[in-house]
Amino acid sequence: MVFAVDGAFAGSAGGAHPALKQAPGIIGVIIAPSRLKHAAQALSSKDDMVSSTTTQYRPSPLLRYSIAILISAAAVLLRLNLTPLIGVQTPYILFFPAVFLAAWYGGL
């Protein structure tokens, strides 16, 4: 492995890499291909391990659509019952929370 910082090289018994010698001021790290392959394998095995151990509960599409319809119907009924109290200036104000809840439960 060769480290180069502003033309000062360290970390390699064989000297600096020729590409780094030609361009002083470059900051770079050159890793041996065998170490790079090993690091890539280690990272991919960790990703596989994480994805295989985590599972999410996902309700069926029928249940998700049913809940969305029920939430919307509840918003309509609530809006109709509250019209005398809140007036008609903001007719869709109760539908914003209904859409948020339906999207959250539906998995959007």
PDB file of N, CA and C in Angstrom:
ATOM      1  N   MET A   1       0.854  -1.166   0.000  1.00  0.00           N
ATOM      2  CA  MET A   1       0.000   0.000   0.000  1.00  0.00           C
ATOM      3  C   MET A   1       0.900   1.229   0.000  1.00  0.00           C
ATOM      4  N   VAL A   2       0.542   2.206  -0.788  1.00  0.00           N
ATOM      5  CA  VAL A   2       1.330   3.426  -0.909  1.00  0.00           C
ATOM      6  C   VAL A   2       0.429   4.603  -0.571  1.00  0.00           C
ATOM      7  N   PHE A   3       0.880   5.445   0.313  1.00  0.00           N
ATOM      8  CA  PHE A   3       0.157   6.668   0.645  1.00  0.00           C
ATOM      9  C   PHE A   3       0.932   7.844   0.075  1.00  0.00           C
ATOM     10  N   ALA A   4       0.242   8.803  -0.493  1.00  0.00           N
ATOM     11  CA  ALA A   4       0.924   9.978  -1.035  1.00  0.00           C
ATOM     12  C   ALA A   4       0.202  11.221  -0.576  1.00  0.00           C
ATOM     13  N   VAL A   5       0.933  12.109   0.041  1.00  0.00           N
ATOM     14  CA  VAL A   5       0.365  13.390   0.455  1.00  0.00           C
ATOM     15  C   VAL A   5       1.335  14.473   0.022  1.00  0.00           C
ATOM     16  N   ASP A   6       0.930  15.266  -0.956  1.00  0.00           N
ATOM     17  CA  ASP A   6       1.768  16.347  -1.486  1.00  0.00           C
ATOM     18  C   ASP A   6       3.164  15.868  -1.884  1.00  0.00           C
ATOM     19  N   GLY A   7       3.235  14.737  -2.538  1.00  0.00           N
ATOM     20  CA  GLY A   7       4.510  14.246  -3.041  1.00  0.00           C
ATOM     21  C   GLY A   7       5.342  13.490  -2.023  1.00  0.00           C
ATOM     22  N   ALA A   8       4.935  13.411  -0.754  1.00  0.00           N
ATOM     23  CA  ALA A   8       5.680  12.654   0.250  1.00  0.00           C
ATOM     24  C   ALA A   8       5.087  11.252   0.307  1.00  0.00           C
ATOM     25  N   PHE A   9       5.895  10.241   0.050  1.00  0.00           N
ATOM     26  CA  PHE A   9       5.422   8.867  -0.042  1.00  0.00           C
ATOM     27  C   PHE A   9       5.864   8.078   1.178  1.00  0.00           C
ATOM     28  N   ALA A  10       4.975   7.221   1.651  1.00  0.00           N
ATOM     29  CA  ALA A  10       5.326   6.369   2.788  1.00  0.00           C
ATOM     30  C   ALA A  10       4.489   5.106   2.722  1.00  0.00           C
ATOM     31  N   GLY A  11       4.928   4.069   3.383  1.00  0.00           N
ATOM     32  CA  GLY A  11       4.127   2.869   3.535  1.00  0.00           C
ATOM     33  C   GLY A  11       4.454   1.756   2.571  1.00  0.00           C
ATOM     34  N   SER A  12       5.386   1.901   1.692  1.00  0.00           N
ATOM     35  CA  SER A  12       5.703   0.865   0.733  1.00  0.00           C
ATOM     36  C   SER A  12       7.201   0.599   0.757  1.00  0.00           C
ATOM     37  N   ALA A  13       7.565  -0.668   0.856  1.00  0.00           N
ATOM     38  CA  ALA A  13       8.987  -1.020   0.869  1.00  0.00           C
ATOM     39  C   ALA A  13       9.604  -0.847  -0.507  1.00  0.00           C
ATOM     40  N   GLY A  14       8.817  -0.943  -1.572  1.00  0.00           N
ATOM     41  CA  GLY A  14       9.337  -0.864  -2.931  1.00  0.00           C
ATOM     42  C   GLY A  14       9.393   0.544  -3.483  1.00  0.00           C
ATOM     43  N   GLY A  15       9.078   1.543  -2.695  1.00  0.00           N
ATOM     44  CA  GLY A  15       9.101   2.911  -3.197  1.00  0.00           C
ATOM     45  C   GLY A  15       7.725   3.351  -3.653  1.00  0.00           C
ATOM     46  N   ALA A  16       7.670   4.534  -4.205  1.00  0.00           N
ATOM     47  CA  ALA A  16       6.395   5.122  -4.607  1.00  0.00           C
ATOM     48  C   ALA A  16       5.940   4.576  -5.954  1.00  0.00           C
ATOM     49  N   HIS A  17       4.662   4.637  -6.168  1.00  0.00           N
ATOM     50  CA  HIS A  17       4.070   4.225  -7.431  1.00  0.00           C
ATOM     51  C   HIS A  17       4.466   5.246  -8.503  1.00  0.00           C
ATOM     52  N   PRO A  18       4.797   4.803  -9.719  1.00  0.00           N
ATOM     53  CA  PRO A  18       5.257   5.740 -10.753  1.00  0.00           C
ATOM     54  C   PRO A  18       4.239   6.831 -11.092  1.00  0.00           C
ATOM     55  N   ALA A  19       2.972   6.524 -11.061  1.00  0.00           N
ATOM     56  CA  ALA A  19       1.955   7.533 -11.381  1.00  0.00           C
ATOM     57  C   ALA A  19       1.967   8.654 -10.352  1.00  0.00           C
ATOM     58  N   LEU A  20       2.231   8.309  -9.102  1.00  0.00           N
ATOM     59  CA  LEU A  20       2.262   9.323  -8.057  1.00  0.00           C
ATOM     60  C   LEU A  20       3.550  10.125  -8.105  1.00  0.00           C
ATOM     61  N   LYS A  21       4.643   9.519  -8.585  1.00  0.00           N
ATOM     62  CA  LYS A  21       5.903  10.249  -8.702  1.00  0.00           C
ATOM     63  C   LYS A  21       5.806  11.334  -9.769  1.00  0.00           C
ATOM     64  N   GLN A  22       5.016  11.073 -10.828  1.00  0.00           N
ATOM     65  CA  GLN A  22       4.928  12.019 -11.934  1.00  0.00           C
ATOM     66  C   GLN A  22       4.073  13.223 -11.589  1.00  0.00           C
ATOM     67  N   ALA A  23       3.170  13.092 -10.643  1.00  0.00           N
ATOM     68  CA  ALA A  23       2.245  14.186 -10.347  1.00  0.00           C
ATOM     69  C   ALA A  23       2.345  14.555  -8.874  1.00  0.00           C
ATOM     70  N   PRO A  24       3.317  15.411  -8.503  1.00  0.00           N
ATOM     71  CA  PRO A  24       3.417  15.816  -7.106  1.00  0.00           C
ATOM     72  C   PRO A  24       2.195  16.641  -6.704  1.00  0.00           C
ATOM     73  N   GLY A  25       1.831  16.516  -5.457  1.00  0.00           N
ATOM     74  CA  GLY A  25       0.677  17.239  -4.950  1.00  0.00           C
ATOM     75  C   GLY A  25      -0.594  16.416  -4.976  1.00  0.00           C
ATOM     76  N   ILE A  26      -0.558  15.215  -5.570  1.00  0.00           N
ATOM     77  CA  ILE A  26      -1.737  14.351  -5.611  1.00  0.00           C
ATOM     78  C   ILE A  26      -1.873  13.643  -4.275  1.00  0.00           C
ATOM     79  N   ILE A  27      -3.068  13.581  -3.785  1.00  0.00           N
ATOM     80  CA  ILE A  27      -3.348  12.813  -2.583  1.00  0.00           C
ATOM     81  C   ILE A  27      -4.057  11.548  -3.037  1.00  0.00           C
ATOM     82  N   GLY A  28      -3.508  10.403  -2.735  1.00  0.00           N
ATOM     83  CA  GLY A  28      -4.129   9.168  -3.192  1.00  0.00           C
ATOM     84  C   GLY A  28      -3.663   7.976  -2.395  1.00  0.00           C
ATOM     85  N   VAL A  29      -4.381   6.889  -2.541  1.00  0.00           N
ATOM     86  CA  VAL A  29      -4.034   5.633  -1.896  1.00  0.00           C
ATOM     87  C   VAL A  29      -4.118   4.552  -2.949  1.00  0.00           C
ATOM     88  N   ILE A  30      -3.084   3.749  -3.055  1.00  0.00           N
ATOM     89  CA  ILE A  30      -3.090   2.626  -3.988  1.00  0.00           C
ATOM     90  C   ILE A  30      -3.146   1.356  -3.157  1.00  0.00           C
ATOM     91  N   ILE A  31      -4.149   0.547  -3.426  1.00  0.00           N
ATOM     92  CA  ILE A  31      -4.351  -0.684  -2.670  1.00  0.00           C
ATOM     93  C   ILE A  31      -4.052  -1.857  -3.588  1.00  0.00           C
ATOM     94  N   ALA A  32      -3.364  -2.858  -3.050  1.00  0.00           N
ATOM     95  CA  ALA A  32      -3.053  -4.047  -3.827  1.00  0.00           C
ATOM     96  C   ALA A  32      -4.351  -4.732  -4.242  1.00  0.00           C
ATOM     97  N   PRO A  33      -4.415  -5.280  -5.472  1.00  0.00           N
ATOM     98  CA  PRO A  33      -5.648  -5.904  -5.951  1.00  0.00           C
ATOM     99  C   PRO A  33      -6.164  -7.027  -5.049  1.00  0.00           C
ATOM    100  N   SER A  34      -5.262  -7.796  -4.445  1.00  0.00           N
ATOM    101  CA  SER A  34      -5.718  -8.885  -3.580  1.00  0.00           C
ATOM    102  C   SER A  34      -6.439  -8.342  -2.344  1.00  0.00           C
ATOM    103  N   ARG A  35      -5.943  -7.241  -1.792  1.00  0.00           N
ATOM    104  CA  ARG A  35      -6.606  -6.645  -0.633  1.00  0.00           C
ATOM    105  C   ARG A  35      -7.940  -6.018  -1.029  1.00  0.00           C
ATOM    106  N   LEU A  36      -8.000  -5.434  -2.198  1.00  0.00           N
ATOM    107  CA  LEU A  36      -9.232  -4.825  -2.666  1.00  0.00           C
ATOM    108  C   LEU A  36     -10.312  -5.886  -2.858  1.00  0.00           C
ATOM    109  N   LYS A  37      -9.941  -7.027  -3.433  1.00  0.00           N
ATOM    110  CA  LYS A  37     -10.895  -8.122  -3.632  1.00  0.00           C
ATOM    111  C   LYS A  37     -11.394  -8.629  -2.289  1.00  0.00           C
ATOM    112  N   HIS A  38     -10.495  -8.765  -1.325  1.00  0.00           N
ATOM    113  CA  HIS A  38     -10.878  -9.242   0.005  1.00  0.00           C
ATOM    114  C   HIS A  38     -11.833  -8.250   0.674  1.00  0.00           C
ATOM    115  N   ALA A  39     -11.560  -6.953   0.542  1.00  0.00           N
ATOM    116  CA  ALA A  39     -12.423  -5.941   1.141  1.00  0.00           C
ATOM    117  C   ALA A  39     -13.795  -5.947   0.490  1.00  0.00           C
ATOM    118  N   ALA A  40     -13.863  -6.111  -0.826  1.00  0.00           N
ATOM    119  CA  ALA A  40     -15.143  -6.158  -1.524  1.00  0.00           C
ATOM    120  C   ALA A  40     -15.953  -7.371  -1.095  1.00  0.00           C
ATOM    121  N   GLN A  41     -15.302  -8.521  -0.901  1.00  0.00           N
ATOM    122  CA  GLN A  41     -15.998  -9.715  -0.441  1.00  0.00           C
ATOM    123  C   GLN A  41     -16.531  -9.521   0.970  1.00  0.00           C
ATOM    124  N   ALA A  42     -15.758  -8.879   1.818  1.00  0.00           N
ATOM    125  CA  ALA A  42     -16.202  -8.652   3.196  1.00  0.00           C
ATOM    126  C   ALA A  42     -17.406  -7.731   3.224  1.00  0.00           C
ATOM    127  N   LEU A  43     -17.387  -6.680   2.408  1.00  0.00           N
ATOM    128  CA  LEU A  43     -18.525  -5.764   2.370  1.00  0.00           C
ATOM    129  C   LEU A  43     -19.769  -6.436   1.824  1.00  0.00           C
ATOM    130  N   SER A  44     -19.630  -7.249   0.776  1.00  0.00           N
ATOM    131  CA  SER A  44     -20.809  -7.891   0.198  1.00  0.00           C
ATOM    132  C   SER A  44     -21.378  -8.936   1.154  1.00  0.00           C
ATOM    133  N   SER A  45     -20.532  -9.617   1.921  1.00  0.00           N
ATOM    134  CA  SER A  45     -21.057 -10.610   2.861  1.00  0.00           C
ATOM    135  C   SER A  45     -21.801  -9.930   4.002  1.00  0.00           C
ATOM    136  N   LYS A  46     -21.370  -8.728   4.422  1.00  0.00           N
ATOM    137  CA  LYS A  46     -22.089  -8.001   5.461  1.00  0.00           C
ATOM    138  C   LYS A  46     -23.442  -7.542   4.945  1.00  0.00           C
ATOM    139  N   ASP A  47     -23.504  -7.081   3.685  1.00  0.00           N
ATOM    140  CA  ASP A  47     -24.775  -6.661   3.111  1.00  0.00           C
ATOM    141  C   ASP A  47     -25.744  -7.827   3.027  1.00  0.00           C
ATOM    142  N   ASP A  48     -25.245  -9.007   2.626  1.00  0.00           N
ATOM    143  CA  ASP A  48     -26.104 -10.180   2.551  1.00  0.00           C
ATOM    144  C   ASP A  48     -26.618 -10.559   3.922  1.00  0.00           C
ATOM    145  N   MET A  49     -25.748 -10.468   4.927  1.00  0.00           N
ATOM    146  CA  MET A  49     -26.141 -10.846   6.270  1.00  0.00           C
ATOM    147  C   MET A  49     -27.221  -9.907   6.802  1.00  0.00           C
ATOM    148  N   VAL A  50     -27.079  -8.615   6.557  1.00  0.00           N
ATOM    149  CA  VAL A  50     -28.058  -7.650   7.047  1.00  0.00           C
ATOM    150  C   VAL A  50     -29.387  -7.844   6.352  1.00  0.00           C
ATOM    151  N   SER A  51     -29.375  -8.013   5.035  1.00  0.00           N
ATOM    152  CA  SER A  51     -30.628  -8.133   4.301  1.00  0.00           C
ATOM    153  C   SER A  51     -31.329  -9.451   4.595  1.00  0.00           C
ATOM    154  N   SER A  52     -30.610 -10.509   4.919  1.00  0.00           N
ATOM    155  CA  SER A  52     -31.259 -11.786   5.176  1.00  0.00           C
ATOM    156  C   SER A  52     -31.819 -11.868   6.594  1.00  0.00           C
ATOM    157  N   THR A  53     -31.322 -11.046   7.521  1.00  0.00           N
ATOM    158  CA  THR A  53     -31.816 -11.134   8.893  1.00  0.00           C
ATOM    159  C   THR A  53     -32.930 -10.148   9.181  1.00  0.00           C
ATOM    160  N   THR A  54     -33.122  -9.145   8.336  1.00  0.00           N
ATOM    161  CA  THR A  54     -34.181  -8.172   8.581  1.00  0.00           C
ATOM    162  C   THR A  54     -35.359  -8.459   7.672  1.00  0.00           C
ATOM    163  N   THR A  55     -36.511  -8.634   8.274  1.00  0.00           N
ATOM    164  CA  THR A  55     -37.735  -8.842   7.511  1.00  0.00           C
ATOM    165  C   THR A  55     -38.770  -7.844   7.993  1.00  0.00           C
ATOM    166  N   GLN A  56     -39.572  -7.376   7.072  1.00  0.00           N
ATOM    167  CA  GLN A  56     -40.607  -6.429   7.417  1.00  0.00           C
ATOM    168  C   GLN A  56     -41.966  -7.089   7.228  1.00  0.00           C
ATOM    169  N   TYR A  57     -42.888  -6.759   8.132  1.00  0.00           N
ATOM    170  CA  TYR A  57     -44.253  -7.215   7.975  1.00  0.00           C
ATOM    171  C   TYR A  57     -44.928  -6.324   6.956  1.00  0.00           C
ATOM    172  N   ARG A  58     -45.523  -6.906   5.963  1.00  0.00           N
ATOM    173  CA  ARG A  58     -46.228  -6.143   4.927  1.00  0.00           C
ATOM    174  C   ARG A  58     -47.608  -6.766   4.762  1.00  0.00           C
ATOM    175  N   PRO A  59     -48.660  -6.000   5.102  1.00  0.00           N
ATOM    176  CA  PRO A  59     -50.010  -6.541   4.959  1.00  0.00           C
ATOM    177  C   PRO A  59     -50.352  -6.787   3.493  1.00  0.00           C
ATOM    178  N   SER A  60     -51.362  -7.592   3.282  1.00  0.00           N
ATOM    179  CA  SER A  60     -51.776  -7.914   1.914  1.00  0.00           C
ATOM    180  C   SER A  60     -52.321  -6.662   1.217  1.00  0.00           C
ATOM    181  N   PRO A  61     -52.268  -6.634  -0.103  1.00  0.00           N
ATOM    182  CA  PRO A  61     -52.794  -5.474  -0.829  1.00  0.00           C
ATOM    183  C   PRO A  61     -54.283  -5.235  -0.559  1.00  0.00           C
ATOM    184  N   LEU A  62     -55.052  -6.286  -0.413  1.00  0.00           N
ATOM    185  CA  LEU A  62     -56.478  -6.127  -0.127  1.00  0.00           C
ATOM    186  C   LEU A  62     -56.689  -5.406   1.197  1.00  0.00           C
ATOM    187  N   LEU A  63     -55.935  -5.769   2.207  1.00  0.00           N
ATOM    188  CA  LEU A  63     -56.048  -5.107   3.506  1.00  0.00           C
ATOM    189  C   LEU A  63     -55.601  -3.649   3.416  1.00  0.00           C
ATOM    190  N   ARG A  64     -54.519  -3.388   2.686  1.00  0.00           N
ATOM    191  CA  ARG A  64     -54.034  -2.015   2.555  1.00  0.00           C
ATOM    192  C   ARG A  64     -55.042  -1.117   1.852  1.00  0.00           C
ATOM    193  N   TYR A  65     -55.647  -1.618   0.769  1.00  0.00           N
ATOM    194  CA  TYR A  65     -56.653  -0.823   0.065  1.00  0.00           C
ATOM    195  C   TYR A  65     -57.909  -0.649   0.914  1.00  0.00           C
ATOM    196  N   SER A  66     -58.282  -1.674   1.649  1.00  0.00           N
ATOM    197  CA  SER A  66     -59.464  -1.580   2.516  1.00  0.00           C
ATOM    198  C   SER A  66     -59.261  -0.532   3.603  1.00  0.00           C
ATOM    199  N   ILE A  67     -58.102  -0.519   4.213  1.00  0.00           N
ATOM    200  CA  ILE A  67     -57.807   0.473   5.251  1.00  0.00           C
ATOM    201  C   ILE A  67     -57.812   1.881   4.654  1.00  0.00           C
ATOM    202  N   ALA A  68     -57.269   2.044   3.455  1.00  0.00           N
ATOM    203  CA  ALA A  68     -57.265   3.365   2.806  1.00  0.00           C
ATOM    204  C   ALA A  68     -58.688   3.849   2.545  1.00  0.00           C
ATOM    205  N   ILE A  69     -59.558   2.960   2.106  1.00  0.00           N
ATOM    206  CA  ILE A  69     -60.950   3.335   1.855  1.00  0.00           C
ATOM    207  C   ILE A  69     -61.659   3.668   3.156  1.00  0.00           C
ATOM    208  N   LEU A  70     -61.418   2.886   4.205  1.00  0.00           N
ATOM    209  CA  LEU A  70     -62.039   3.159   5.506  1.00  0.00           C
ATOM    210  C   LEU A  70     -61.570   4.493   6.089  1.00  0.00           C
ATOM    211  N   ILE A  71     -60.305   4.788   5.962  1.00  0.00           N
ATOM    212  CA  ILE A  71     -59.785   6.068   6.463  1.00  0.00           C
ATOM    213  C   ILE A  71     -60.417   7.229   5.711  1.00  0.00           C
ATOM    214  N   SER A  72     -60.549   7.091   4.391  1.00  0.00           N
ATOM    215  CA  SER A  72     -61.167   8.149   3.590  1.00  0.00           C
ATOM    216  C   SER A  72     -62.643   8.320   3.946  1.00  0.00           C
ATOM    217  N   ALA A  73     -63.353   7.210   4.136  1.00  0.00           N
ATOM    218  CA  ALA A  73     -64.769   7.284   4.507  1.00  0.00           C
ATOM    219  C   ALA A  73     -64.937   7.930   5.882  1.00  0.00           C
ATOM    220  N   ALA A  74     -64.045   7.607   6.804  1.00  0.00           N
ATOM    221  CA  ALA A  74     -64.099   8.222   8.139  1.00  0.00           C
ATOM    222  C   ALA A  74     -63.860   9.726   8.043  1.00  0.00           C
ATOM    223  N   ALA A  75     -62.964  10.149   7.156  1.00  0.00           N
ATOM    224  CA  ALA A  75     -62.703  11.582   6.975  1.00  0.00           C
ATOM    225  C   ALA A  75     -63.930  12.284   6.403  1.00  0.00           C
ATOM    226  N   VAL A  76     -64.624  11.639   5.460  1.00  0.00           N
ATOM    227  CA  VAL A  76     -65.839  12.226   4.883  1.00  0.00           C
ATOM    228  C   VAL A  76     -66.915  12.366   5.957  1.00  0.00           C
ATOM    229  N   LEU A  77     -67.137  11.308   6.730  1.00  0.00           N
ATOM    230  CA  LEU A  77     -68.165  11.357   7.777  1.00  0.00           C
ATOM    231  C   LEU A  77     -67.822  12.386   8.845  1.00  0.00           C
ATOM    232  N   LEU A  78     -66.575  12.450   9.224  1.00  0.00           N
ATOM    233  CA  LEU A  78     -66.160  13.432  10.221  1.00  0.00           C
ATOM    234  C   LEU A  78     -66.338  14.855   9.690  1.00  0.00           C
ATOM    235  N   ARG A  79     -65.992  15.044   8.425  1.00  0.00           N
ATOM    236  CA  ARG A  79     -66.146  16.370   7.816  1.00  0.00           C
ATOM    237  C   ARG A  79     -67.617  16.777   7.755  1.00  0.00           C
ATOM    238  N   LEU A  80     -68.491  15.854   7.385  1.00  0.00           N
ATOM    239  CA  LEU A  80     -69.921  16.160   7.320  1.00  0.00           C
ATOM    240  C   LEU A  80     -70.482  16.506   8.692  1.00  0.00           C
ATOM    241  N   ASN A  81     -70.025  15.818   9.712  1.00  0.00           N
ATOM    242  CA  ASN A  81     -70.519  16.085  11.070  1.00  0.00           C
ATOM    243  C   ASN A  81     -69.950  17.379  11.655  1.00  0.00           C
ATOM    244  N   LEU A  82     -68.758  17.773  11.243  1.00  0.00           N
ATOM    245  CA  LEU A  82     -68.126  18.976  11.784  1.00  0.00           C
ATOM    246  C   LEU A  82     -68.375  20.235  10.949  1.00  0.00           C
ATOM    247  N   THR A  83     -69.083  20.118   9.850  1.00  0.00           N
ATOM    248  CA  THR A  83     -69.339  21.286   8.993  1.00  0.00           C
ATOM    249  C   THR A  83     -70.007  22.433   9.739  1.00  0.00           C
ATOM    250  N   PRO A  84     -71.006  22.179  10.608  1.00  0.00           N
ATOM    251  CA  PRO A  84     -71.589  23.312  11.333  1.00  0.00           C
ATOM    252  C   PRO A  84     -70.591  24.009  12.261  1.00  0.00           C
ATOM    253  N   LEU A  85     -69.610  23.299  12.773  1.00  0.00           N
ATOM    254  CA  LEU A  85     -68.652  23.894  13.701  1.00  0.00           C
ATOM    255  C   LEU A  85     -67.505  24.620  12.993  1.00  0.00           C
ATOM    256  N   ILE A  86     -66.961  24.021  11.929  1.00  0.00           N
ATOM    257  CA  ILE A  86     -65.775  24.606  11.294  1.00  0.00           C
ATOM    258  C   ILE A  86     -66.087  25.363  10.017  1.00  0.00           C
ATOM    259  N   GLY A  87     -67.289  25.295   9.529  1.00  0.00           N
ATOM    260  CA  GLY A  87     -67.683  26.064   8.359  1.00  0.00           C
ATOM    261  C   GLY A  87     -67.250  25.419   7.060  1.00  0.00           C
ATOM    262  N   VAL A  88     -67.387  26.194   5.979  1.00  0.00           N
ATOM    263  CA  VAL A  88     -67.082  25.675   4.649  1.00  0.00           C
ATOM    264  C   VAL A  88     -65.847  26.331   4.027  1.00  0.00           C
ATOM    265  N   GLN A  89     -65.088  27.111   4.803  1.00  0.00           N
ATOM    266  CA  GLN A  89     -63.905  27.770   4.252  1.00  0.00           C
ATOM    267  C   GLN A  89     -62.810  26.774   3.879  1.00  0.00           C
ATOM    268  N   THR A  90     -62.639  25.730   4.649  1.00  0.00           N
ATOM    269  CA  THR A  90     -61.591  24.728   4.394  1.00  0.00           C
ATOM    270  C   THR A  90     -62.242  23.352   4.246  1.00  0.00           C
ATOM    271  N   PRO A  91     -62.802  23.073   3.068  1.00  0.00           N
ATOM    272  CA  PRO A  91     -63.565  21.833   2.918  1.00  0.00           C
ATOM    273  C   PRO A  91     -62.712  20.557   2.943  1.00  0.00           C
ATOM    274  N   TYR A  92     -61.429  20.651   2.595  1.00  0.00           N
ATOM    275  CA  TYR A  92     -60.614  19.432   2.482  1.00  0.00           C
ATOM    276  C   TYR A  92     -59.589  19.280   3.601  1.00  0.00           C
ATOM    277  N   ILE A  93     -59.735  20.052   4.646  1.00  0.00           N
ATOM    278  CA  ILE A  93     -58.711  20.057   5.700  1.00  0.00           C
ATOM    279  C   ILE A  93     -58.573  18.694   6.388  1.00  0.00           C
ATOM    280  N   LEU A  94     -59.628  17.952   6.517  1.00  0.00           N
ATOM    281  CA  LEU A  94     -59.553  16.644   7.178  1.00  0.00           C
ATOM    282  C   LEU A  94     -59.078  15.538   6.244  1.00  0.00           C
ATOM    283  N   PHE A  95     -58.994  15.828   4.966  1.00  0.00           N
ATOM    284  CA  PHE A  95     -58.524  14.805   4.039  1.00  0.00           C
ATOM    285  C   PHE A  95     -56.996  14.709   3.993  1.00  0.00           C
ATOM    286  N   PHE A  96     -56.299  15.758   4.379  1.00  0.00           N
ATOM    287  CA  PHE A  96     -54.834  15.694   4.410  1.00  0.00           C
ATOM    288  C   PHE A  96     -54.340  14.641   5.405  1.00  0.00           C
ATOM    289  N   PRO A  97     -54.816  14.637   6.658  1.00  0.00           N
ATOM    290  CA  PRO A  97     -54.388  13.561   7.566  1.00  0.00           C
ATOM    291  C   PRO A  97     -54.834  12.180   7.090  1.00  0.00           C
ATOM    292  N   ALA A  98     -56.003  12.110   6.442  1.00  0.00           N
ATOM    293  CA  ALA A  98     -56.481  10.815   5.942  1.00  0.00           C
ATOM    294  C   ALA A  98     -55.551  10.275   4.857  1.00  0.00           C
ATOM    295  N   VAL A  99     -55.104  11.143   3.969  1.00  0.00           N
ATOM    296  CA  VAL A  99     -54.185  10.715   2.905  1.00  0.00           C
ATOM    297  C   VAL A  99     -52.841  10.304   3.494  1.00  0.00           C
ATOM    298  N   PHE A 100     -52.354  11.065   4.475  1.00  0.00           N
ATOM    299  CA  PHE A 100     -51.080  10.713   5.114  1.00  0.00           C
ATOM    300  C   PHE A 100     -51.158   9.346   5.795  1.00  0.00           C
ATOM    301  N   LEU A 101     -52.232   9.106   6.537  1.00  0.00           N
ATOM    302  CA  LEU A 101     -52.394   7.818   7.223  1.00  0.00           C
ATOM    303  C   LEU A 101     -52.509   6.664   6.231  1.00  0.00           C
ATOM    304  N   ALA A 102     -53.299   6.862   5.189  1.00  0.00           N
ATOM    305  CA  ALA A 102     -53.472   5.793   4.190  1.00  0.00           C
ATOM    306  C   ALA A 102     -52.156   5.490   3.476  1.00  0.00           C
ATOM    307  N   ALA A 103     -51.394   6.533   3.146  1.00  0.00           N
ATOM    308  CA  ALA A 103     -50.108   6.314   2.479  1.00  0.00           C
ATOM    309  C   ALA A 103     -49.112   5.645   3.417  1.00  0.00           C
ATOM    310  N   TRP A 104     -49.108   6.037   4.674  1.00  0.00           N
ATOM    311  CA  TRP A 104     -48.188   5.427   5.646  1.00  0.00           C
ATOM    312  C   TRP A 104     -48.514   3.953   5.840  1.00  0.00           C
ATOM    313  N   TYR A 105     -49.787   3.649   6.022  1.00  0.00           N
ATOM    314  CA  TYR A 105     -50.161   2.250   6.251  1.00  0.00           C
ATOM    315  C   TYR A 105     -50.012   1.427   4.966  1.00  0.00           C
ATOM    316  N   GLY A 106     -50.275   2.055   3.833  1.00  0.00           N
ATOM    317  CA  GLY A 106     -50.175   1.335   2.575  1.00  0.00           C
ATOM    318  C   GLY A 106     -48.752   1.068   2.124  1.00  0.00           C
ATOM    319  N   GLY A 107     -47.804   1.767   2.706  1.00  0.00           N
ATOM    320  CA  GLY A 107     -46.406   1.487   2.393  1.00  0.00           C
ATOM    321  C   GLY A 107     -45.790   2.419   1.390  1.00  0.00           C
ATOM    322  N   LEU A 108     -46.341   3.581   1.220  1.00  0.00           N
ATOM    323  CA  LEU A 108     -45.762   4.535   0.277  1.00  0.00           C
ATOM    324  C   LEU A 108     -44.604   5.273   0.869  1.00  0.00           C
TER     325      LEU A 108
END
